[in-house]
PDB file of N, CA and C in Angstrom:
ATOM      1  N   MET A   1     -20.038  22.867 -28.576  1.00  0.00           N
ATOM      2  CA  MET A   1     -19.231  21.753 -28.063  1.00  0.00           C
ATOM      3  C   MET A   1     -19.770  21.325 -26.736  1.00  0.00           C
ATOM      4  N   ASP A   2     -19.794  20.055 -26.532  1.00  0.00           N
ATOM      5  CA  ASP A   2     -20.316  19.511 -25.266  1.00  0.00           C
ATOM      6  C   ASP A   2     -19.167  19.311 -24.318  1.00  0.00           C
ATOM      7  N   GLY A   3     -19.153  20.048 -23.226  1.00  0.00           N
ATOM      8  CA  GLY A   3     -18.064  19.933 -22.239  1.00  0.00           C
ATOM      9  C   GLY A   3     -18.366  19.001 -21.153  1.00  0.00           C
ATOM     10  N   GLY A   4     -19.334  18.102 -21.310  1.00  0.00           N
ATOM     11  CA  GLY A   4     -19.626  17.119 -20.229  1.00  0.00           C
ATOM     12  C   GLY A   4     -20.355  17.760 -19.094  1.00  0.00           C
ATOM     13  N   THR A   5     -20.440  17.021 -17.993  1.00  0.00           N
ATOM     14  CA  THR A   5     -21.234  17.510 -16.833  1.00  0.00           C
ATOM     15  C   THR A   5     -20.621  18.683 -16.151  1.00  0.00           C
ATOM     16  N   ASN A   6     -19.320  18.849 -16.190  1.00  0.00           N
ATOM     17  CA  ASN A   6     -18.682  19.985 -15.507  1.00  0.00           C
ATOM     18  C   ASN A   6     -18.417  21.163 -16.408  1.00  0.00           C
ATOM     19  N   GLY A   7     -18.536  21.001 -17.705  1.00  0.00           N
ATOM     20  CA  GLY A   7     -18.495  22.119 -18.629  1.00  0.00           C
ATOM     21  C   GLY A   7     -17.097  22.571 -19.044  1.00  0.00           C
ATOM     22  N   TRP A   8     -17.071  23.381 -20.063  1.00  0.00           N
ATOM     23  CA  TRP A   8     -15.909  23.997 -20.632  1.00  0.00           C
ATOM     24  C   TRP A   8     -16.068  25.511 -20.686  1.00  0.00           C
ATOM     25  N   ILE A   9     -14.971  26.225 -20.599  1.00  0.00           N
ATOM     26  CA  ILE A   9     -14.907  27.687 -20.737  1.00  0.00           C
ATOM     27  C   ILE A   9     -13.646  28.103 -21.449  1.00  0.00           C
ATOM     28  N   ASP A  10     -13.533  29.357 -21.751  1.00  0.00           N
ATOM     29  CA  ASP A  10     -12.305  29.936 -22.279  1.00  0.00           C
ATOM     30  C   ASP A  10     -11.790  29.276 -23.584  1.00  0.00           C
ATOM     31  N   THR A  11     -12.641  29.048 -24.535  1.00  0.00           N
ATOM     32  CA  THR A  11     -12.221  28.382 -25.792  1.00  0.00           C
ATOM     33  C   THR A  11     -11.573  29.355 -26.700  1.00  0.00           C
ATOM     34  N   THR A  12     -10.472  28.943 -27.269  1.00  0.00           N
ATOM     35  CA  THR A  12      -9.792  29.718 -28.340  1.00  0.00           C
ATOM     36  C   THR A  12      -9.587  28.808 -29.548  1.00  0.00           C
ATOM     37  N   ILE A  13      -9.674  29.355 -30.740  1.00  0.00           N
ATOM     38  CA  ILE A  13      -9.590  28.598 -31.958  1.00  0.00           C
ATOM     39  C   ILE A  13      -8.302  28.938 -32.764  1.00  0.00           C
ATOM     40  N   ALA A  14      -7.679  27.914 -33.307  1.00  0.00           N
ATOM     41  CA  ALA A  14      -6.545  28.087 -34.221  1.00  0.00           C
ATOM     42  C   ALA A  14      -6.795  27.245 -35.469  1.00  0.00           C
ATOM     43  N   GLN A  15      -6.447  27.809 -36.611  1.00  0.00           N
ATOM     44  CA  GLN A  15      -6.568  27.039 -37.869  1.00  0.00           C
ATOM     45  C   GLN A  15      -5.221  26.953 -38.525  1.00  0.00           C
ATOM     46  N   ASN A  16      -4.928  25.789 -39.039  1.00  0.00           N
ATOM     47  CA  ASN A  16      -3.641  25.525 -39.719  1.00  0.00           C
ATOM     48  C   ASN A  16      -3.932  24.567 -40.858  1.00  0.00           C
ATOM     49  N   GLY A  17      -3.773  25.055 -42.103  1.00  0.00           N
ATOM     50  CA  GLY A  17      -4.060  24.215 -43.212  1.00  0.00           C
ATOM     51  C   GLY A  17      -5.563  23.894 -43.230  1.00  0.00           C
ATOM     52  N   ASN A  18      -5.910  22.590 -43.389  1.00  0.00           N
ATOM     53  CA  ASN A  18      -7.280  22.229 -43.386  1.00  0.00           C
ATOM     54  C   ASN A  18      -7.814  21.740 -42.056  1.00  0.00           C
ATOM     55  N   LYS A  19      -7.081  22.100 -41.006  1.00  0.00           N
ATOM     56  CA  LYS A  19      -7.439  21.655 -39.630  1.00  0.00           C
ATOM     57  C   LYS A  19      -7.842  22.868 -38.792  1.00  0.00           C
ATOM     58  N   THR A  20      -8.800  22.584 -37.937  1.00  0.00           N
ATOM     59  CA  THR A  20      -9.227  23.576 -36.937  1.00  0.00           C
ATOM     60  C   THR A  20      -9.006  22.940 -35.550  1.00  0.00           C
ATOM     61  N   TYR A  21      -8.381  23.715 -34.659  1.00  0.00           N
ATOM     62  CA  TYR A  21      -8.094  23.247 -33.302  1.00  0.00           C
ATOM     63  C   TYR A  21      -8.870  24.124 -32.343  1.00  0.00           C
ATOM     64  N   HIS A  22      -9.414  23.551 -31.262  1.00  0.00           N
ATOM     65  CA  HIS A  22      -9.903  24.353 -30.183  1.00  0.00           C
ATOM     66  C   HIS A  22      -9.103  23.991 -28.948  1.00  0.00           C
ATOM     67  N   ILE A  23      -8.757  25.028 -28.221  1.00  0.00           N
ATOM     68  CA  ILE A  23      -8.010  24.879 -26.980  1.00  0.00           C
ATOM     69  C   ILE A  23      -8.910  25.489 -25.909  1.00  0.00           C
ATOM     70  N   THR A  24      -9.264  24.682 -24.898  1.00  0.00           N
ATOM     71  CA  THR A  24     -10.350  24.942 -24.022  1.00  0.00           C
ATOM     72  C   THR A  24     -10.059  24.575 -22.575  1.00  0.00           C
ATOM     73  N   LYS A  25     -10.494  25.377 -21.658  1.00  0.00           N
ATOM     74  CA  LYS A  25     -10.403  25.029 -20.252  1.00  0.00           C
ATOM     75  C   LYS A  25     -11.527  24.036 -19.910  1.00  0.00           C
ATOM     76  N   SER A  26     -11.145  22.811 -19.565  1.00  0.00           N
ATOM     77  CA  SER A  26     -12.053  21.766 -19.157  1.00  0.00           C
ATOM     78  C   SER A  26     -12.012  21.695 -17.628  1.00  0.00           C
ATOM     79  N   HIS A  27     -13.163  21.694 -16.989  1.00  0.00           N
ATOM     80  CA  HIS A  27     -13.161  21.594 -15.505  1.00  0.00           C
ATOM     81  C   HIS A  27     -12.700  20.220 -15.012  1.00  0.00           C
ATOM     82  N   ASP A  28     -12.697  19.263 -15.920  1.00  0.00           N
ATOM     83  CA  ASP A  28     -12.242  17.913 -15.570  1.00  0.00           C
ATOM     84  C   ASP A  28     -10.787  17.644 -15.866  1.00  0.00           C
ATOM     85  N   GLU A  29     -10.269  18.234 -17.003  1.00  0.00           N
ATOM     86  CA  GLU A  29      -8.957  17.905 -17.470  1.00  0.00           C
ATOM     87  C   GLU A  29      -8.056  19.165 -17.706  1.00  0.00           C
ATOM     88  N   GLN A  30      -8.255  20.204 -16.935  1.00  0.00           N
ATOM     89  CA  GLN A  30      -7.544  21.450 -17.097  1.00  0.00           C
ATOM     90  C   GLN A  30      -7.737  21.976 -18.520  1.00  0.00           C
ATOM     91  N   ILE A  31      -6.639  22.178 -19.259  1.00  0.00           N
ATOM     92  CA  ILE A  31      -6.748  22.663 -20.627  1.00  0.00           C
ATOM     93  C   ILE A  31      -6.572  21.521 -21.584  1.00  0.00           C
ATOM     94  N   ILE A  32      -7.496  21.443 -22.573  1.00  0.00           N
ATOM     95  CA  ILE A  32      -7.437  20.391 -23.563  1.00  0.00           C
ATOM     96  C   ILE A  32      -7.320  20.999 -24.944  1.00  0.00           C
ATOM     97  N   MET A  33      -6.834  20.207 -25.895  1.00  0.00           N
ATOM     98  CA  MET A  33      -6.866  20.604 -27.310  1.00  0.00           C
ATOM     99  C   MET A  33      -7.411  19.510 -28.142  1.00  0.00           C
ATOM    100  N   GLU A  34      -8.316  19.865 -29.037  1.00  0.00           N
ATOM    101  CA  GLU A  34      -8.904  18.909 -29.947  1.00  0.00           C
ATOM    102  C   GLU A  34      -8.823  19.471 -31.384  1.00  0.00           C
ATOM    103  N   VAL A  35      -8.928  18.573 -32.351  1.00  0.00           N
ATOM    104  CA  VAL A  35      -8.735  18.968 -33.781  1.00  0.00           C
ATOM    105  C   VAL A  35      -9.863  18.294 -34.630  1.00  0.00           C
ATOM    106  N   THR A  36     -10.218  19.042 -35.719  1.00  0.00           N
ATOM    107  CA  THR A  36     -11.157  18.494 -36.708  1.00  0.00           C
ATOM    108  C   THR A  36     -10.742  18.967 -38.086  1.00  0.00           C
ATOM    109  N   THR A  37     -11.123  18.231 -39.069  1.00  0.00           N
ATOM    110  CA  THR A  37     -10.887  18.620 -40.486  1.00  0.00           C
ATOM    111  C   THR A  37     -12.230  19.031 -41.111  1.00  0.00           C
ATOM    112  N   ASP A  38     -13.284  19.068 -40.325  1.00  0.00           N
ATOM    113  CA  ASP A  38     -14.620  19.448 -40.783  1.00  0.00           C
ATOM    114  C   ASP A  38     -14.583  20.861 -41.225  1.00  0.00           C
ATOM    115  N   LYS A  39     -15.022  21.142 -42.478  1.00  0.00           N
ATOM    116  CA  LYS A  39     -15.032  22.482 -42.992  1.00  0.00           C
ATOM    117  C   LYS A  39     -16.022  23.391 -42.236  1.00  0.00           C
ATOM    118  N   GLN A  40     -17.069  22.807 -41.713  1.00  0.00           N
ATOM    119  CA  GLN A  40     -18.056  23.585 -40.924  1.00  0.00           C
ATOM    120  C   GLN A  40     -17.924  23.203 -39.445  1.00  0.00           C
ATOM    121  N   TRP A  41     -16.767  23.448 -38.895  1.00  0.00           N
ATOM    122  CA  TRP A  41     -16.407  23.054 -37.562  1.00  0.00           C
ATOM    123  C   TRP A  41     -17.256  23.669 -36.454  1.00  0.00           C
ATOM    124  N   TRP A  42     -17.905  24.762 -36.789  1.00  0.00           N
ATOM    125  CA  TRP A  42     -18.727  25.468 -35.769  1.00  0.00           C
ATOM    126  C   TRP A  42     -20.089  24.843 -35.574  1.00  0.00           C
ATOM    127  N   LYS A  43     -20.481  23.916 -36.442  1.00  0.00           N
ATOM    128  CA  LYS A  43     -21.800  23.296 -36.341  1.00  0.00           C
ATOM    129  C   LYS A  43     -21.846  22.226 -35.270  1.00  0.00           C
ATOM    130  N   GLN A  44     -23.013  22.141 -34.617  1.00  0.00           N
ATOM    131  CA  GLN A  44     -23.209  21.092 -33.600  1.00  0.00           C
ATOM    132  C   GLN A  44     -23.070  19.706 -34.237  1.00  0.00           C
ATOM    133  N   GLY A  45     -22.479  18.823 -33.567  1.00  0.00           N
ATOM    134  CA  GLY A  45     -22.252  17.427 -34.094  1.00  0.00           C
ATOM    135  C   GLY A  45     -20.904  17.226 -34.776  1.00  0.00           C
ATOM    136  N   THR A  46     -20.085  18.281 -34.828  1.00  0.00           N
ATOM    137  CA  THR A  46     -18.740  18.128 -35.416  1.00  0.00           C
ATOM    138  C   THR A  46     -17.964  17.087 -34.599  1.00  0.00           C
ATOM    139  N   ASN A  47     -17.254  16.216 -35.324  1.00  0.00           N
ATOM    140  CA  ASN A  47     -16.379  15.253 -34.692  1.00  0.00           C
ATOM    141  C   ASN A  47     -15.007  15.841 -34.411  1.00  0.00           C
ATOM    142  N   TRP A  48     -14.650  15.894 -33.113  1.00  0.00           N
ATOM    143  CA  TRP A  48     -13.359  16.394 -32.694  1.00  0.00           C
ATOM    144  C   TRP A  48     -12.570  15.250 -32.184  1.00  0.00           C
ATOM    145  N   THR A  49     -11.224  15.309 -32.416  1.00  0.00           N
ATOM    146  CA  THR A  49     -10.284  14.281 -31.920  1.00  0.00           C
ATOM    147  C   THR A  49      -9.396  14.928 -30.882  1.00  0.00           C
ATOM    148  N   ARG A  50      -9.284  14.324 -29.702  1.00  0.00           N
ATOM    149  CA  ARG A  50      -8.406  14.867 -28.640  1.00  0.00           C
ATOM    150  C   ARG A  50      -6.943  14.708 -29.035  1.00  0.00           C
ATOM    151  N   VAL A  51      -6.230  15.821 -28.946  1.00  0.00           N
ATOM    152  CA  VAL A  51      -4.792  15.839 -29.167  1.00  0.00           C
ATOM    153  C   VAL A  51      -4.048  15.751 -27.859  1.00  0.00           C
ATOM    154  N   GLN A  52      -4.488  16.521 -26.860  1.00  0.00           N
ATOM    155  CA  GLN A  52      -3.783  16.599 -25.614  1.00  0.00           C
ATOM    156  C   GLN A  52      -4.703  17.036 -24.490  1.00  0.00           C
ATOM    157  N   SER A  53      -4.514  16.503 -23.336  1.00  0.00           N
ATOM    158  CA  SER A  53      -5.252  16.877 -22.115  1.00  0.00           C
ATOM    159  C   SER A  53      -4.305  17.381 -21.067  1.00  0.00           C
ATOM    160  N   ASN A  54      -4.802  18.060 -20.080  1.00  0.00           N
ATOM    161  CA  ASN A  54      -3.993  18.575 -18.932  1.00  0.00           C
ATOM    162  C   ASN A  54      -2.800  19.434 -19.406  1.00  0.00           C
ATOM    163  N   ILE A  55      -3.029  20.244 -20.388  1.00  0.00           N
ATOM    164  CA  ILE A  55      -1.948  21.074 -20.913  1.00  0.00           C
ATOM    165  C   ILE A  55      -1.528  22.076 -19.815  1.00  0.00           C
ATOM    166  N   GLY A  56      -0.269  22.050 -19.517  1.00  0.00           N
ATOM    167  CA  GLY A  56       0.313  22.931 -18.438  1.00  0.00           C
ATOM    168  C   GLY A  56       0.082  22.403 -17.040  1.00  0.00           C
ATOM    169  N   GLN A  57      -0.713  21.391 -16.853  1.00  0.00           N
ATOM    170  CA  GLN A  57      -1.104  20.913 -15.527  1.00  0.00           C
ATOM    171  C   GLN A  57       0.106  20.382 -14.704  1.00  0.00           C
ATOM    172  N   SER A  58       0.938  19.621 -15.311  1.00  0.00           N
ATOM    173  CA  SER A  58       1.975  18.957 -14.496  1.00  0.00           C
ATOM    174  C   SER A  58       3.018  19.941 -13.960  1.00  0.00           C
ATOM    175  N   ARG A  59       3.080  21.086 -14.518  1.00  0.00           N
ATOM    176  CA  ARG A  59       4.114  22.064 -14.123  1.00  0.00           C
ATOM    177  C   ARG A  59       3.492  23.255 -13.416  1.00  0.00           C
ATOM    178  N   PHE A  60       2.343  23.679 -13.844  1.00  0.00           N
ATOM    179  CA  PHE A  60       1.830  24.951 -13.356  1.00  0.00           C
ATOM    180  C   PHE A  60       0.711  24.797 -12.304  1.00  0.00           C
ATOM    181  N   GLY A  61       0.134  23.642 -12.152  1.00  0.00           N
ATOM    182  CA  GLY A  61      -0.982  23.510 -11.236  1.00  0.00           C
ATOM    183  C   GLY A  61      -2.286  23.801 -11.953  1.00  0.00           C
ATOM    184  N   SER A  62      -3.155  24.576 -11.369  1.00  0.00           N
ATOM    185  CA  SER A  62      -4.449  24.927 -11.982  1.00  0.00           C
ATOM    186  C   SER A  62      -4.283  25.990 -13.005  1.00  0.00           C
ATOM    187  N   VAL A  63      -4.689  25.768 -14.221  1.00  0.00           N
ATOM    188  CA  VAL A  63      -4.551  26.728 -15.309  1.00  0.00           C
ATOM    189  C   VAL A  63      -5.885  26.899 -16.030  1.00  0.00           C
ATOM    190  N   GLU A  64      -6.030  28.039 -16.647  1.00  0.00           N
ATOM    191  CA  GLU A  64      -7.184  28.379 -17.478  1.00  0.00           C
ATOM    192  C   GLU A  64      -6.838  29.478 -18.475  1.00  0.00           C
ATOM    193  N   GLY A  65      -7.803  29.988 -19.186  1.00  0.00           N
ATOM    194  CA  GLY A  65      -7.604  31.167 -20.078  1.00  0.00           C
ATOM    195  C   GLY A  65      -6.549  30.959 -21.162  1.00  0.00           C
ATOM    196  N   PRO A  66      -6.625  29.889 -21.944  1.00  0.00           N
ATOM    197  CA  PRO A  66      -5.611  29.697 -22.978  1.00  0.00           C
ATOM    198  C   PRO A  66      -5.691  30.808 -24.078  1.00  0.00           C
ATOM    199  N   ALA A  67      -4.546  31.257 -24.510  1.00  0.00           N
ATOM    200  CA  ALA A  67      -4.449  32.244 -25.575  1.00  0.00           C
ATOM    201  C   ALA A  67      -3.386  31.747 -26.534  1.00  0.00           C
ATOM    202  N   VAL A  68      -3.725  31.592 -27.842  1.00  0.00           N
ATOM    203  CA  VAL A  68      -2.831  30.964 -28.786  1.00  0.00           C
ATOM    204  C   VAL A  68      -2.553  31.966 -29.977  1.00  0.00           C
ATOM    205  N   PHE A  69      -1.321  31.881 -30.462  1.00  0.00           N
ATOM    206  CA  PHE A  69      -1.052  32.642 -31.693  1.00  0.00           C
ATOM    207  C   PHE A  69       0.126  31.990 -32.434  1.00  0.00           C
ATOM    208  N   LYS A  70       0.146  32.295 -33.738  1.00  0.00           N
ATOM    209  CA  LYS A  70       1.172  31.719 -34.632  1.00  0.00           C
ATOM    210  C   LYS A  70       2.328  32.671 -34.727  1.00  0.00           C
ATOM    211  N   ASP A  71       3.531  32.148 -34.807  1.00  0.00           N
ATOM    212  CA  ASP A  71       4.739  32.925 -35.037  1.00  0.00           C
ATOM    213  C   ASP A  71       4.802  33.155 -36.573  1.00  0.00           C
ATOM    214  N   HIS A  72       4.597  34.401 -36.995  1.00  0.00           N
ATOM    215  CA  HIS A  72       4.502  34.687 -38.402  1.00  0.00           C
ATOM    216  C   HIS A  72       5.905  34.712 -39.057  1.00  0.00           C
ATOM    217  N   SER A  73       6.970  34.594 -38.304  1.00  0.00           N
ATOM    218  CA  SER A  73       8.291  34.484 -38.910  1.00  0.00           C
ATOM    219  C   SER A  73       8.732  33.050 -39.083  1.00  0.00           C
ATOM    220  N   ASN A  74       7.917  32.104 -38.522  1.00  0.00           N
ATOM    221  CA  ASN A  74       8.245  30.649 -38.663  1.00  0.00           C
ATOM    222  C   ASN A  74       6.994  29.922 -38.781  1.00  0.00           C
ATOM    223  N   ASP A  75       6.707  29.364 -39.976  1.00  0.00           N
ATOM    224  CA  ASP A  75       5.431  28.687 -40.261  1.00  0.00           C
ATOM    225  C   ASP A  75       5.086  27.573 -39.340  1.00  0.00           C
ATOM    226  N   ASN A  76       6.088  26.937 -38.741  1.00  0.00           N
ATOM    227  CA  ASN A  76       5.844  25.758 -37.940  1.00  0.00           C
ATOM    228  C   ASN A  76       5.931  26.013 -36.413  1.00  0.00           C
ATOM    229  N   ARG A  77       5.777  27.271 -36.007  1.00  0.00           N
ATOM    230  CA  ARG A  77       5.922  27.580 -34.624  1.00  0.00           C
ATOM    231  C   ARG A  77       4.657  28.314 -34.072  1.00  0.00           C
ATOM    232  N   TRP A  78       4.096  27.778 -33.020  1.00  0.00           N
ATOM    233  CA  TRP A  78       2.924  28.339 -32.377  1.00  0.00           C
ATOM    234  C   TRP A  78       3.217  28.545 -30.911  1.00  0.00           C
ATOM    235  N   TYR A  79       2.567  29.540 -30.297  1.00  0.00           N
ATOM    236  CA  TYR A  79       2.726  29.838 -28.869  1.00  0.00           C
ATOM    237  C   TYR A  79       1.355  29.754 -28.200  1.00  0.00           C
ATOM    238  N   LEU A  80       1.368  29.272 -26.984  1.00  0.00           N
ATOM    239  CA  LEU A  80       0.184  29.184 -26.155  1.00  0.00           C
ATOM    240  C   LEU A  80       0.529  29.764 -24.795  1.00  0.00           C
ATOM    241  N   PHE A  81      -0.292  30.655 -24.305  1.00  0.00           N
ATOM    242  CA  PHE A  81      -0.144  31.155 -22.972  1.00  0.00           C
ATOM    243  C   PHE A  81      -1.302  30.555 -22.124  1.00  0.00           C
ATOM    244  N   VAL A  82      -0.927  30.016 -20.944  1.00  0.00           N
ATOM    245  CA  VAL A  82      -1.949  29.454 -20.023  1.00  0.00           C
ATOM    246  C   VAL A  82      -1.829  30.317 -18.712  1.00  0.00           C
ATOM    247  N   ASP A  83      -2.998  30.644 -18.156  1.00  0.00           N
ATOM    248  CA  ASP A  83      -3.028  31.504 -16.946  1.00  0.00           C
ATOM    249  C   ASP A  83      -2.888  30.558 -15.730  1.00  0.00           C
ATOM    250  N   ASP A  84      -1.756  30.641 -15.068  1.00  0.00           N
ATOM    251  CA  ASP A  84      -1.440  29.878 -13.867  1.00  0.00           C
ATOM    252  C   ASP A  84      -2.073  30.605 -12.677  1.00  0.00           C
ATOM    253  N   LEU A  85      -2.979  29.914 -12.032  1.00  0.00           N
ATOM    254  CA  LEU A  85      -3.736  30.516 -10.888  1.00  0.00           C
ATOM    255  C   LEU A  85      -3.223  30.037  -9.586  1.00  0.00           C
ATOM    256  N   PRO A  86      -3.088  30.804  -8.570  1.00  0.00           N
ATOM    257  CA  PRO A  86      -3.316  32.248  -8.603  1.00  0.00           C
ATOM    258  C   PRO A  86      -2.082  33.076  -9.010  1.00  0.00           C
ATOM    259  N   GLN A  87      -0.894  32.436  -8.993  1.00  0.00           N
ATOM    260  CA  GLN A  87       0.356  33.135  -9.404  1.00  0.00           C
ATOM    261  C   GLN A  87       1.169  32.202 -10.238  1.00  0.00           C
ATOM    262  N   PRO A  88       2.011  32.610 -11.072  1.00  0.00           N
ATOM    263  CA  PRO A  88       2.486  33.936 -11.370  1.00  0.00           C
ATOM    264  C   PRO A  88       1.775  34.604 -12.515  1.00  0.00           C
ATOM    265  N   GLY A  89       0.713  34.002 -13.060  1.00  0.00           N
ATOM    266  CA  GLY A  89       0.006  34.607 -14.202  1.00  0.00           C
ATOM    267  C   GLY A  89       0.270  33.766 -15.497  1.00  0.00           C
ATOM    268  N   TYR A  90       0.224  34.399 -16.602  1.00  0.00           N
ATOM    269  CA  TYR A  90       0.342  33.653 -17.855  1.00  0.00           C
ATOM    270  C   TYR A  90       1.742  33.073 -18.021  1.00  0.00           C
ATOM    271  N   GLN A  91       1.761  31.809 -18.411  1.00  0.00           N
ATOM    272  CA  GLN A  91       3.017  31.077 -18.643  1.00  0.00           C
ATOM    273  C   GLN A  91       3.050  30.622 -20.127  1.00  0.00           C
ATOM    274  N   PRO A  92       4.208  30.639 -20.764  1.00  0.00           N
ATOM    275  CA  PRO A  92       4.303  30.336 -22.179  1.00  0.00           C
ATOM    276  C   PRO A  92       4.564  28.860 -22.486  1.00  0.00           C
ATOM    277  N   MET A  93       3.927  28.398 -23.551  1.00  0.00           N
ATOM    278  CA  MET A  93       4.189  27.053 -24.095  1.00  0.00           C
ATOM    279  C   MET A  93       4.431  27.194 -25.587  1.00  0.00           C
ATOM    280  N   ILE A  94       4.964  26.163 -26.186  1.00  0.00           N
ATOM    281  CA  ILE A  94       5.335  26.197 -27.628  1.00  0.00           C
ATOM    282  C   ILE A  94       4.985  24.863 -28.288  1.00  0.00           C
ATOM    283  N   SER A  95       4.668  24.958 -29.590  1.00  0.00           N
ATOM    284  CA  SER A  95       4.465  23.784 -30.419  1.00  0.00           C
ATOM    285  C   SER A  95       5.035  24.021 -31.790  1.00  0.00           C
ATOM    286  N   THR A  96       5.706  23.069 -32.315  1.00  0.00           N
ATOM    287  CA  THR A  96       6.164  23.081 -33.723  1.00  0.00           C
ATOM    288  C   THR A  96       5.362  22.073 -34.519  1.00  0.00           C
ATOM    289  N   ASP A  97       4.423  21.392 -33.893  1.00  0.00           N
ATOM    290  CA  ASP A  97       3.522  20.433 -34.556  1.00  0.00           C
ATOM    291  C   ASP A  97       2.252  20.355 -33.729  1.00  0.00           C
ATOM    292  N   LEU A  98       1.186  21.110 -34.116  1.00  0.00           N
ATOM    293  CA  LEU A  98      -0.028  21.138 -33.328  1.00  0.00           C
ATOM    294  C   LEU A  98      -0.610  19.745 -33.105  1.00  0.00           C
ATOM    295  N   ASP A  99      -0.403  18.841 -34.033  1.00  0.00           N
ATOM    296  CA  ASP A  99      -0.950  17.500 -33.907  1.00  0.00           C
ATOM    297  C   ASP A  99      -0.255  16.695 -32.785  1.00  0.00           C
ATOM    298  N   LYS A 100       0.864  17.185 -32.271  1.00  0.00           N
ATOM    299  CA  LYS A 100       1.584  16.516 -31.214  1.00  0.00           C
ATOM    300  C   LYS A 100       1.400  17.261 -29.865  1.00  0.00           C
ATOM    301  N   GLY A 101       0.803  18.449 -29.893  1.00  0.00           N
ATOM    302  CA  GLY A 101       0.566  19.152 -28.666  1.00  0.00           C
ATOM    303  C   GLY A 101       1.594  20.187 -28.284  1.00  0.00           C
ATOM    304  N   TRP A 102       1.645  20.487 -26.989  1.00  0.00           N
ATOM    305  CA  TRP A 102       2.409  21.654 -26.441  1.00  0.00           C
ATOM    306  C   TRP A 102       3.513  21.177 -25.471  1.00  0.00           C
ATOM    307  N   ASP A 103       4.622  21.947 -25.511  1.00  0.00           N
ATOM    308  CA  ASP A 103       5.696  21.787 -24.558  1.00  0.00           C
ATOM    309  C   ASP A 103       5.911  23.111 -23.849  1.00  0.00           C
ATOM    310  N   TYR A 104       6.574  23.048 -22.690  1.00  0.00           N
ATOM    311  CA  TYR A 104       6.879  24.249 -21.927  1.00  0.00           C
ATOM    312  C   TYR A 104       7.965  25.048 -22.592  1.00  0.00           C
ATOM    313  N   LEU A 105       7.809  26.383 -22.562  1.00  0.00           N
ATOM    314  CA  LEU A 105       8.818  27.275 -23.131  1.00  0.00           C
ATOM    315  C   LEU A 105       9.465  28.018 -21.971  1.00  0.00           C
ATOM    316  N   ASP A 106      10.764  27.734 -21.759  1.00  0.00           N
ATOM    317  CA  ASP A 106      11.513  28.388 -20.673  1.00  0.00           C
ATOM    318  C   ASP A 106      12.304  29.590 -21.204  1.00  0.00           C
TER     319      ASP A 106
END
């Protein structure tokens, strides 16, 4: 994946149905999430569509290190932890529709 001139780090992948999502630390837009339906999503040239930018930014400040997992007791619930730097550490977010992005979990 091409992260532009400033680059991307800390990518995590989630798959749901026929879609693959990558959640990535962008040095330009904090944490971003993009989606593709390409069955060979790992190949160079895959078309990704931006779902959300600046995930966690408006509340937590500078964030990185996204970690995502599915709630296995609820098919439509996903959790994302973003590392809030320098304090207080990982902060939780939630999604019940990955195509709409993430909300804060209090």
